[in-house]
Protein backbone atom coordinates (compact mmCIF):
# COMPACT_ATOMS: atom_id res chain seq x y z
CA MET A 1 5.96 100.48 77.46
CA SER A 2 5.87 97.85 74.73
CA ALA A 3 8.20 94.88 74.66
CA ASP A 4 9.90 96.29 71.58
CA SER A 5 10.51 99.70 73.15
CA ALA A 6 12.02 98.03 76.22
CA LEU A 7 14.62 96.28 74.09
CA GLU A 8 17.97 97.92 74.74
CA VAL A 9 20.57 98.21 72.00
CA PRO A 10 24.27 99.12 72.23
CA THR A 11 23.64 102.69 71.03
CA THR A 12 20.97 103.52 73.61
CA GLY A 13 22.04 106.85 75.15
CA VAL A 14 25.24 107.03 73.08
CA GLU A 15 25.88 110.28 71.19
CA PHE A 16 28.57 112.95 70.92
CA ASN A 17 27.72 116.63 71.37
CA THR A 18 29.17 119.60 69.50
CA ARG A 19 31.86 120.36 72.06
CA GLN A 20 33.08 116.77 72.12
CA ILE A 21 33.20 116.55 68.32
CA GLN A 22 35.12 119.82 68.14
CA ALA A 23 37.63 118.48 70.67
CA ILE A 24 38.13 115.30 68.64
CA LEU A 25 38.65 117.22 65.40
CA ALA A 26 41.10 119.59 67.09
CA SER A 27 43.19 116.60 68.16
CA ILE A 28 43.67 115.31 64.62
CA VAL A 29 46.99 115.87 62.83
CA PRO A 30 46.65 118.37 61.23
CA PRO A 31 43.79 119.84 63.31
CA LEU A 32 40.34 120.14 61.76
CA THR A 33 37.45 122.51 62.47
CA LEU A 34 33.81 121.45 62.55
CA GLN A 35 31.33 123.09 60.20
CA SER A 36 28.28 120.89 60.81
CA TYR A 37 27.30 117.40 61.91
CA GLU A 38 24.41 114.97 62.05
CA ALA A 39 23.94 112.16 64.58
CA THR A 40 22.25 109.35 62.66
CA GLU A 41 20.37 106.20 63.60
CA LEU A 42 22.74 104.14 61.45
CA GLY A 43 24.73 101.39 63.08
CA TYR A 44 23.81 98.81 65.69
CA ASN A 45 26.99 98.50 67.75
CA ASN A 46 28.00 102.13 67.35
CA ARG A 47 26.44 105.56 66.81
CA VAL A 48 27.35 107.05 63.44
CA HIS A 49 27.84 110.82 63.10
CA PHE A 50 28.29 112.50 59.72
CA LEU A 51 30.64 115.50 59.91
CA LYS A 52 31.60 118.26 57.53
CA THR A 53 34.72 120.29 58.25
CA GLN A 54 35.39 123.89 57.30
CA ASN A 55 37.99 122.81 54.76
CA GLY A 56 35.42 120.64 52.98
CA LEU A 57 36.12 117.15 54.30
CA ASP A 58 33.20 114.73 54.71
CA LEU A 59 33.91 112.45 57.66
CA VAL A 60 32.32 109.73 59.76
CA LEU A 61 32.69 109.69 63.54
CA LYS A 62 31.69 106.40 65.14
CA ALA A 63 30.96 106.37 68.86
CA GLY A 64 31.42 102.93 70.40
CA GLY A 65 28.24 101.55 71.95
CA ARG A 66 27.56 100.88 75.61
CA TYR A 67 28.84 97.31 75.36
CA TRP A 68 31.78 98.39 73.22
CA LYS A 69 35.12 97.43 74.68
CA ARG A 70 38.62 98.55 73.77
CA GLN A 71 39.35 95.51 71.70
CA LYS A 72 36.46 96.04 69.29
CA THR A 73 37.63 99.53 68.39
CA GLU A 74 41.17 98.28 67.91
CA ALA A 75 40.00 95.31 65.82
CA GLU A 76 38.35 97.70 63.37
CA VAL A 77 41.36 100.00 63.17
CA ALA A 78 43.73 97.04 62.88
CA GLY A 79 41.60 95.48 60.14
CA VAL A 80 41.59 98.67 58.08
CA LEU A 81 45.33 99.21 58.59
CA THR A 82 46.01 95.61 57.55
CA VAL A 83 44.04 95.95 54.32
CA ARG A 84 45.64 99.30 53.48
CA LYS A 85 49.08 97.91 54.18
CA LEU A 86 48.82 94.63 52.27
CA CYS A 87 46.23 94.93 49.51
CA SER A 88 44.99 98.50 49.12
CA GLU A 89 45.08 98.11 45.33
CA HIS A 90 42.43 95.40 45.46
CA ILE A 91 40.26 96.20 48.49
CA ARG A 92 38.97 99.68 49.15
CA VAL A 93 38.46 100.71 52.77
CA PRO A 94 37.90 104.12 54.39
CA ARG A 95 40.93 106.08 55.53
CA ILE A 96 41.14 106.45 59.30
CA LEU A 97 42.19 109.81 60.68
CA GLY A 98 42.26 108.95 64.36
CA PHE A 99 40.71 106.88 67.11
CA SER A 100 40.56 106.31 70.84
CA SER A 101 39.99 102.89 72.36
CA ARG A 102 39.50 104.15 75.89
CA LYS A 103 36.18 105.17 77.37
CA GLY A 104 36.19 108.19 79.61
CA SER A 105 39.22 109.87 78.07
CA GLU A 106 39.80 113.62 77.81
CA LEU A 107 40.88 115.87 74.95
CA GLY A 108 41.85 119.48 75.59
CA GLY A 109 39.96 119.48 78.86
CA THR A 110 36.79 118.06 77.28
CA PRO A 111 35.59 114.69 78.61
CA ILE A 112 35.08 112.13 75.83
CA PRO A 113 32.79 109.43 77.25
CA TRP A 114 32.91 106.93 74.39
CA GLU A 115 35.49 105.14 72.32
CA TRP A 116 35.62 106.57 68.82
CA ILE A 117 36.94 106.19 65.28
CA LEU A 118 37.16 109.10 62.83
CA SER A 119 37.37 108.20 59.15
CA GLU A 120 36.60 109.52 55.70
CA ARG A 121 32.99 109.26 54.57
CA ILE A 122 32.38 107.00 51.59
CA HIS A 123 29.65 108.41 49.37
CA GLY A 124 27.30 106.07 47.60
CA ALA A 125 24.82 103.47 48.76
CA SER A 126 24.96 100.18 50.56
CA LEU A 127 24.44 97.06 48.50
CA ASN A 128 21.07 96.76 50.25
CA ASP A 129 19.91 100.09 48.86
CA ALA A 130 21.61 99.96 45.46
CA TRP A 131 20.78 96.41 44.40
CA ALA A 132 17.30 97.00 42.97
CA GLY A 133 18.66 99.70 40.66
CA LEU A 134 21.30 97.46 39.05
CA ASP A 135 20.70 95.45 35.90
CA ASP A 136 21.69 91.78 35.70
CA GLN A 137 25.07 92.49 34.14
CA GLN A 138 25.94 95.03 36.83
CA LYS A 139 24.89 92.54 39.49
CA VAL A 140 27.22 89.92 38.02
CA VAL A 141 30.06 92.47 37.99
CA VAL A 142 29.42 93.24 41.67
CA ALA A 143 29.37 89.52 42.53
CA GLU A 144 32.64 88.89 40.69
CA LYS A 145 34.28 91.87 42.37
CA LEU A 146 33.20 90.57 45.76
CA VAL A 147 34.78 87.21 44.96
CA SER A 148 37.97 89.04 43.96
CA ILE A 149 37.94 90.85 47.31
CA ILE A 150 37.54 87.58 49.20
CA ILE A 151 40.36 85.98 47.20
CA HIS A 152 42.73 88.85 48.01
CA MET A 153 41.72 88.69 51.67
CA ARG A 154 42.71 85.02 51.69
CA THR A 155 45.88 85.23 49.60
CA ASP A 156 47.38 88.66 50.35
CA ILE A 157 46.59 88.87 54.06
CA THR A 158 48.06 85.87 55.81
CA LEU A 159 49.78 85.12 59.07
CA GLN A 160 53.02 85.03 57.09
CA SER A 161 52.50 88.41 55.43
CA LEU A 162 51.84 89.96 58.85
CA GLY A 163 54.83 88.22 60.43
CA LEU A 164 52.56 86.32 62.81
CA ASP A 165 53.50 82.78 61.80
CA GLN A 166 56.13 82.11 64.48
CA GLN A 167 55.79 78.78 66.24
CA ASP A 168 54.80 80.28 69.59
CA THR A 169 52.35 82.84 68.16
CA ALA A 170 48.61 82.40 68.50
CA CYS A 171 46.75 82.04 65.21
CA TYR A 172 43.04 82.22 66.05
CA GLY A 173 41.63 85.49 67.36
CA ASN A 174 40.61 89.03 66.52
CA LEU A 175 43.08 91.63 65.37
CA SER A 176 44.30 94.22 67.84
CA LEU A 177 46.86 96.98 68.25
CA THR A 178 47.70 95.54 71.67
CA PRO A 179 49.79 92.44 72.43
CA PRO A 180 47.51 89.73 73.87
CA ASP A 181 49.45 89.42 77.13
CA LEU A 182 48.50 93.02 77.95
CA ASN A 183 44.80 92.65 77.28
CA ILE A 184 43.66 92.50 80.88
CA THR A 185 45.70 95.34 82.33
CA TRP A 186 46.32 97.71 79.43
CA PRO A 187 43.51 100.28 79.32
CA GLY A 188 43.69 101.18 75.64
CA HIS A 189 44.79 104.08 73.48
CA ASP A 190 43.88 107.45 74.95
CA HIS A 191 44.23 108.87 71.48
CA LEU A 192 46.07 108.06 68.29
CA SER A 193 45.90 110.28 65.21
CA PHE A 194 47.10 109.54 61.69
CA ARG A 195 47.93 112.23 59.18
CA PHE A 196 45.04 112.02 56.75
CA ASP A 197 47.41 112.58 53.83
CA ASP A 198 49.58 109.61 54.87
CA PRO A 199 48.56 106.54 52.83
CA SER A 200 50.64 104.04 54.80
CA MET A 201 49.22 104.49 58.32
CA LYS A 202 51.45 101.72 59.60
CA SER A 203 51.07 100.26 63.06
CA ASN A 204 51.86 97.02 64.83
CA ILE A 205 49.18 94.37 64.40
CA TYR A 206 48.58 91.50 66.82
CA ILE A 207 46.22 88.56 67.12
CA SER A 208 44.47 89.03 70.42
CA ASN A 209 41.50 87.79 72.41
CA ILE A 210 38.33 86.79 70.63
CA LEU A 211 35.98 89.73 71.14
CA ASN A 212 34.28 89.40 74.53
CA GLY A 213 35.76 85.93 74.72
CA PRO A 214 38.80 83.79 75.46
CA PRO A 215 42.48 84.43 74.69
CA PRO A 216 43.82 83.64 71.21
CA SER A 217 44.63 80.03 70.37
CA ARG A 218 47.41 78.28 68.51
CA THR A 219 45.56 75.23 67.14
CA TYR A 220 42.03 74.53 65.96
CA LEU A 221 41.21 72.23 68.89
CA GLN A 222 42.58 74.79 71.35
CA TYR A 223 40.33 77.36 69.69
CA VAL A 224 37.22 75.17 70.07
CA HIS A 225 38.14 74.21 73.64
CA SER A 226 38.70 77.82 74.70
CA LEU A 227 35.39 78.95 73.19
CA LEU A 228 33.39 76.27 75.00
CA GLU A 229 35.28 76.68 78.27
CA ALA A 230 34.70 80.45 78.25
CA GLU A 231 30.97 80.00 77.69
CA ILE A 232 30.66 77.42 80.49
CA ASN A 233 32.49 79.80 82.81
CA GLN A 234 30.13 82.61 81.81
CA LEU A 235 27.10 80.42 82.46
CA GLU A 236 28.35 79.67 85.96
CA LEU A 237 28.80 83.33 86.89
CA GLN A 238 26.13 84.35 89.37
CA GLU A 239 25.28 87.59 87.57
CA ASN A 240 24.44 85.68 84.40
CA ARG A 241 22.10 83.16 85.97
CA SER A 242 18.95 85.29 85.81
CA LYS A 243 19.67 86.55 82.30
CA PHE A 244 20.92 83.47 80.50
CA ALA A 245 20.47 80.48 82.75
CA ASN A 246 17.51 78.75 84.24
CA THR A 247 17.02 75.25 85.59
CA LEU A 248 16.74 73.83 82.08
CA THR A 249 20.03 75.37 80.99
CA GLU A 250 21.89 74.37 84.14
CA GLN A 251 20.81 70.77 83.65
CA ARG A 252 22.96 70.78 80.51
CA LEU A 253 26.13 71.67 82.41
CA PRO A 254 27.25 68.05 83.00
CA ARG A 255 26.93 67.31 79.28
CA LEU A 256 28.77 70.52 78.41
CA ARG A 257 31.60 69.72 80.81
CA SER A 258 31.78 66.19 79.44
CA LEU A 259 32.11 67.49 75.88
CA LEU A 260 34.73 70.00 77.02
CA GLY A 261 36.80 67.16 78.44
CA ARG A 262 36.54 65.23 75.15
CA ILE A 263 37.36 68.05 72.73
CA HIS A 264 40.89 66.85 72.05
CA GLU A 265 39.83 63.24 71.51
CA HIS A 266 36.41 63.59 69.88
CA PRO A 267 36.64 61.75 66.51
CA ALA A 268 34.81 64.39 64.46
CA LEU A 269 36.81 67.26 65.95
CA LEU A 270 40.11 65.38 65.70
CA HIS A 271 39.36 64.86 62.03
CA LEU A 272 38.90 68.62 61.58
CA GLU A 273 42.24 69.26 63.26
CA LYS A 274 44.06 66.76 61.04
CA SER A 275 42.38 67.61 57.74
CA GLY A 276 44.09 70.99 57.46
CA ASN A 277 40.93 72.65 56.17
CA TRP A 278 40.35 74.65 59.33
CA GLN A 279 43.55 76.63 59.55
CA PRO A 280 42.82 80.31 60.28
CA VAL A 281 42.16 82.70 57.41
CA PHE A 282 41.81 86.47 57.42
CA THR A 283 38.17 87.23 58.12
CA HIS A 284 36.12 90.42 57.90
CA GLY A 285 33.52 88.98 60.26
CA ASP A 286 30.43 90.77 58.92
CA PHE A 287 30.72 90.45 55.15
CA GLN A 288 27.18 91.21 54.08
CA PRO A 289 25.21 93.80 52.07
CA PRO A 290 24.91 96.64 54.64
CA ASN A 291 28.72 96.75 54.92
CA ILE A 292 29.37 96.79 51.17
CA PHE A 293 29.16 100.25 49.60
CA ILE A 294 28.79 101.04 45.91
CA SER A 295 30.11 104.44 44.87
CA PRO A 296 28.40 106.28 42.00
CA PRO A 297 30.18 106.41 38.60
CA LYS A 298 32.47 109.38 38.10
CA SER A 299 30.71 110.18 34.81
CA GLU A 300 27.84 108.95 32.64
CA LYS A 301 30.33 107.13 30.41
CA ASP A 302 31.97 105.41 33.36
CA ASP A 303 30.54 101.93 33.95
CA GLN A 304 33.14 101.05 36.59
CA VAL A 305 31.70 99.64 39.82
CA ASP A 306 33.66 100.78 42.88
CA LEU A 307 33.07 98.79 46.06
CA THR A 308 34.18 99.77 49.56
CA ILE A 309 34.09 97.35 52.48
CA LEU A 310 33.09 98.96 55.78
CA ASP A 311 32.92 97.96 59.46
CA TRP A 312 35.96 95.79 60.18
CA GLU A 313 35.29 95.56 63.92
CA TRP A 314 35.11 91.75 63.85
CA SER A 315 38.25 91.28 61.75
CA GLY A 316 40.72 88.57 62.67
CA PHE A 317 41.96 85.10 61.81
CA PHE A 318 39.39 82.33 62.15
CA PRO A 319 38.35 78.99 60.60
CA PRO A 320 36.93 79.45 57.07
CA HIS A 321 33.29 78.84 57.98
CA ILE A 322 33.16 81.85 60.31
CA GLU A 323 33.07 84.29 57.38
CA TRP A 324 30.18 82.36 55.89
CA ASP A 325 28.21 82.12 59.13
CA ALA A 326 28.79 85.81 59.84
CA GLY A 327 27.82 87.17 56.45
CA ILE A 328 28.44 85.32 53.20
CA TYR A 329 25.40 83.05 53.59
CA ASN A 330 23.29 86.21 53.93
CA LEU A 331 25.04 87.70 50.92
CA VAL A 332 24.31 84.64 48.75
CA ASP A 333 20.66 84.67 49.86
CA PHE A 334 20.55 88.39 49.10
CA PHE A 335 21.52 87.66 45.48
CA GLY A 336 18.29 85.67 45.17
CA ASP A 337 17.69 84.10 41.77
CA SER A 338 19.75 86.68 39.90
CA PRO A 339 22.71 85.57 37.73
CA ALA A 340 24.93 87.10 40.41
CA ARG A 341 24.31 84.16 42.72
CA ALA A 342 25.61 81.56 40.28
CA ALA A 343 28.52 83.80 39.28
CA PHE A 344 29.51 84.33 42.91
CA THR A 345 29.48 80.69 44.02
CA ALA A 346 31.00 79.30 40.82
CA THR A 347 33.84 81.83 40.75
CA LEU A 348 34.57 81.31 44.44
CA ASP A 349 34.69 77.52 44.12
CA THR A 350 36.84 77.70 40.98
CA ALA A 351 39.32 79.91 42.82
CA GLY A 352 39.86 77.15 45.37
CA ILE A 353 38.81 79.30 48.32
CA LYS A 354 37.76 77.16 51.27
CA SER A 355 33.97 77.20 51.20
CA PRO A 356 30.98 74.83 51.43
CA GLY A 357 31.70 73.93 47.82
CA THR A 358 35.33 72.92 48.35
CA ILE A 359 35.38 71.41 51.86
CA PRO A 360 33.73 67.99 52.47
CA GLN A 361 30.16 68.43 53.68
CA GLY A 362 30.65 66.37 56.84
CA GLU A 363 33.61 68.49 57.93
CA TRP A 364 31.75 71.70 57.25
CA GLU A 365 28.73 70.52 59.24
CA SER A 366 30.83 69.53 62.26
CA ALA A 367 32.72 72.83 62.28
CA VAL A 368 29.55 74.89 62.03
CA LYS A 369 27.77 72.88 64.73
CA ILE A 370 30.54 73.06 67.33
CA THR A 371 30.80 76.82 66.89
CA ARG A 372 27.04 77.23 67.11
CA LEU A 373 26.97 75.06 70.23
CA THR A 374 29.29 77.46 72.02
CA GLU A 375 27.04 80.37 71.06
CA CYS A 376 23.96 78.70 72.55
CA VAL A 377 25.43 78.24 76.04
CA VAL A 378 25.26 81.95 76.94
CA PRO A 379 23.45 83.42 73.92
CA TRP A 380 24.70 86.90 73.12
CA TRP A 381 21.37 87.71 71.45
CA LEU A 382 19.58 87.63 74.82
CA GLY A 383 21.64 90.56 76.08
CA GLY A 384 19.16 93.20 74.93
CA TYR A 385 16.13 91.70 76.67
CA PRO A 386 15.75 93.11 80.20
CA ASP A 387 14.60 90.61 82.79
CA ASP A 388 11.91 92.57 84.65
CA GLY A 389 11.63 89.83 87.25
CA GLY A 390 7.89 89.56 86.86
CA GLU A 391 5.38 88.36 84.32
CA GLY A 392 5.62 91.35 81.97
CA PRO A 393 6.03 91.19 78.18
CA THR A 394 9.82 91.44 78.22
CA ARG A 395 10.04 88.53 80.66
CA LYS A 396 7.85 86.45 78.35
CA ILE A 397 10.03 87.26 75.33
CA LEU A 398 13.17 86.46 77.31
CA GLU A 399 11.78 83.07 78.34
CA GLU A 400 10.76 82.25 74.77
CA LYS A 401 14.16 83.18 73.37
CA ARG A 402 15.93 81.32 76.15
CA MET A 403 13.88 78.19 75.47
CA GLU A 404 14.75 78.39 71.77
CA ALA A 405 18.44 78.45 72.70
CA VAL A 406 18.06 75.52 75.11
CA LEU A 407 16.30 73.38 72.50
CA GLU A 408 18.96 74.19 69.92
CA LEU A 409 21.67 73.41 72.47
CA ASP A 410 20.06 70.01 73.12
CA GLY A 411 20.18 69.14 69.44
CA LEU A 412 23.81 70.19 69.11
CA LEU A 413 24.87 68.27 72.22
CA SER A 414 23.14 65.17 70.84
CA PHE A 415 25.09 65.55 67.60
CA PHE A 416 28.41 65.43 69.48
CA ASP A 417 27.21 62.74 71.91
CA ALA A 418 26.60 60.36 69.02
């Protein structure tokens, strides 16, 4: 077995069969009947199935991956519901017909092993696939539309518009359909179906735990402190020591604990708290070309570019740089030297959206570095590399990747030690 073939991904072994899909469709209001389906290799965190129903609907059924937890399913549903509720005229998202955020549920006597989301299928092509076929003017139009989408995300979807701006309400965290105080004990939705002809699809929205991380936070410094504290706690768990920690990593624990104790008095971080630039903004969390769909024109005379934003599983309220780190930097690089790049950055900066062009460089650097530091303590990207306990190829890759993280962690700790 090669090192690459040994790499496990969230969708390994995840797939719905015909009986399970039929049970899911039968549970929808009104019930649907399966005509055909295809289980694809699309998606990294979830297995995508394309369905066609007997009444002619084209649908997408996403099966949550092996590492998928209730909150990630609910974050995606909550993100889509939020957009549809507050700015559906400006941001196009797929309609959701139903979902379940509980693994191991049952529908009509049929076991359903995975969490799932059923939504309409958006026809067209991802920006990745469509880009080469666009001329420069079309590329500029796409870039300007993407800026418009970001602007509406920032201005239409706010803590105030969701009624989440009360003094005792947490501000930083992923969206959920579950109040945060129930996160540990509440097992998730067995099943919730929306009428697919109901455009409102209203539901209660909450700010909840950061996915696979700490509880939501009220202030920026609380947010940073909780991220670092959670990662230190993870590093100290015995089951993580062989995967993420070795002697080199553990030697950094005193420095990590020291920084944790200084979060609320560190000059650079205190400045971020006081500047006001790092208040939470509505964030897609993966805003990059594979999740941006271009629909074909309705006719040859139609030059309208319709964009749909997919995959809202990371949606929530976070500091402004998170959207850039999680996607927009990749999007800008994707534009290359085309006129779209200049149009995108110039229009975004002119709009006053908090970005690298409107926030002082020193602030931006500090915010990016402290977030990256927390990611390097227990690197999520090592999770797919099995530790075979010997000297095999996967062990070698794991050690190399782990060393890269340790060296990066050293540099980041030195930045905040200065």
